């Protein structure tokens, strides 16, 4: 996939057989890893997460 300079490349991750508490726990760690969640879609038997990554800077 080619993006123009400054554009974010969206990525998709699917989770199945996860309840809302499991989703929340997963998202906390997922965001700490430098992922920016744009949308979470409930599919009925799981979730689809649309996200992009950003570099993590630590001081």
C-alpha atoms as a PDB file:
ATOM      1  CA  UNK A   1       0.000   0.000   0.000  1.00  0.00           C
ATOM      2  CA  UNK A   2       1.361   3.406  -0.964  1.00  0.00           C
ATOM      3  CA  UNK A   3       0.547   6.493   1.047  1.00  0.00           C
ATOM      4  CA  UNK A   4       1.351  10.105   0.423  1.00  0.00           C
ATOM      5  CA  UNK A   5       3.677  11.902   2.795  1.00  0.00           C
ATOM      6  CA  UNK A   6       1.912  12.711   6.038  1.00  0.00           C
ATOM      7  CA  UNK A   7      -0.909  10.210   5.526  1.00  0.00           C
ATOM      8  CA  UNK A   8      -1.574   7.452   8.028  1.00  0.00           C
ATOM      9  CA  UNK A   9      -1.765   3.893   6.783  1.00  0.00           C
ATOM     10  CA  UNK A  10      -4.746   2.213   8.389  1.00  0.00           C
ATOM     11  CA  UNK A  11      -4.366  -1.327   9.653  1.00  0.00           C
ATOM     12  CA  UNK A  12      -6.977  -3.850  10.742  1.00  0.00           C
ATOM     13  CA  UNK A  13      -6.851  -6.366  13.582  1.00  0.00           C
ATOM     14  CA  UNK A  14      -9.581  -8.861  14.430  1.00  0.00           C
ATOM     15  CA  UNK A  15     -10.347 -10.384  17.818  1.00  0.00           C
ATOM     16  CA  UNK A  16     -12.745 -13.277  18.230  1.00  0.00           C
ATOM     17  CA  UNK A  17     -14.393 -14.815  21.289  1.00  0.00           C
ATOM     18  CA  UNK A  18     -13.624 -11.745  23.416  1.00  0.00           C
ATOM     19  CA  UNK A  19     -15.985 -10.065  25.867  1.00  0.00           C
ATOM     20  CA  UNK A  20     -15.951  -6.335  26.597  1.00  0.00           C
ATOM     21  CA  UNK A  21     -13.629  -6.673  29.604  1.00  0.00           C
ATOM     22  CA  UNK A  22     -11.190  -8.704  27.504  1.00  0.00           C
ATOM     23  CA  UNK A  23     -11.397  -6.073  24.771  1.00  0.00           C
ATOM     24  CA  UNK A  24     -10.693  -3.251  27.232  1.00  0.00           C
ATOM     25  CA  UNK A  25      -7.714  -5.106  28.696  1.00  0.00           C
ATOM     26  CA  UNK A  26      -6.342  -5.803  25.218  1.00  0.00           C
ATOM     27  CA  UNK A  27      -6.804  -2.174  24.097  1.00  0.00           C
ATOM     28  CA  UNK A  28      -4.871  -0.798  27.091  1.00  0.00           C
ATOM     29  CA  UNK A  29      -1.765  -2.774  26.133  1.00  0.00           C
ATOM     30  CA  UNK A  30      -2.365  -2.216  22.415  1.00  0.00           C
ATOM     31  CA  UNK A  31      -2.391   1.564  22.881  1.00  0.00           C
ATOM     32  CA  UNK A  32       0.681   1.466  25.154  1.00  0.00           C
ATOM     33  CA  UNK A  33       2.555  -0.188  22.262  1.00  0.00           C
ATOM     34  CA  UNK A  34       2.085   2.969  20.171  1.00  0.00           C
ATOM     35  CA  UNK A  35      -1.107   2.129  18.292  1.00  0.00           C
ATOM     36  CA  UNK A  36      -3.792   4.745  17.769  1.00  0.00           C
ATOM     37  CA  UNK A  37      -7.244   3.160  17.616  1.00  0.00           C
ATOM     38  CA  UNK A  38      -9.543   4.874  15.155  1.00  0.00           C
ATOM     39  CA  UNK A  39     -12.564   2.604  15.386  1.00  0.00           C
ATOM     40  CA  UNK A  40     -13.752  -0.589  17.101  1.00  0.00           C
ATOM     41  CA  UNK A  41     -16.540  -2.514  15.369  1.00  0.00           C
ATOM     42  CA  UNK A  42     -18.559  -5.198  17.151  1.00  0.00           C
ATOM     43  CA  UNK A  43     -19.114  -8.091  14.731  1.00  0.00           C
ATOM     44  CA  UNK A  44     -21.310 -10.129  17.053  1.00  0.00           C
ATOM     45  CA  UNK A  45     -18.728 -12.838  17.721  1.00  0.00           C
ATOM     46  CA  UNK A  46     -15.747 -10.530  18.180  1.00  0.00           C
ATOM     47  CA  UNK A  47     -14.349  -7.141  17.280  1.00  0.00           C
ATOM     48  CA  UNK A  48     -12.566  -5.482  14.380  1.00  0.00           C
ATOM     49  CA  UNK A  49     -10.066  -2.779  15.357  1.00  0.00           C
ATOM     50  CA  UNK A  50      -9.060  -0.148  12.804  1.00  0.00           C
ATOM     51  CA  UNK A  51      -5.853   1.568  13.850  1.00  0.00           C
ATOM     52  CA  UNK A  52      -2.556   3.101  12.812  1.00  0.00           C
ATOM     53  CA  UNK A  53       0.821   3.136  14.504  1.00  0.00           C
ATOM     54  CA  UNK A  54       2.921   6.029  15.697  1.00  0.00           C
ATOM     55  CA  UNK A  55       6.503   5.960  16.920  1.00  0.00           C
ATOM     56  CA  UNK A  56       6.794   5.676  20.710  1.00  0.00           C
ATOM     57  CA  UNK A  57       9.211   8.172  22.214  1.00  0.00           C
ATOM     58  CA  UNK A  58      10.446   7.670  25.734  1.00  0.00           C
ATOM     59  CA  UNK A  59      12.473  10.159  27.741  1.00  0.00           C
END
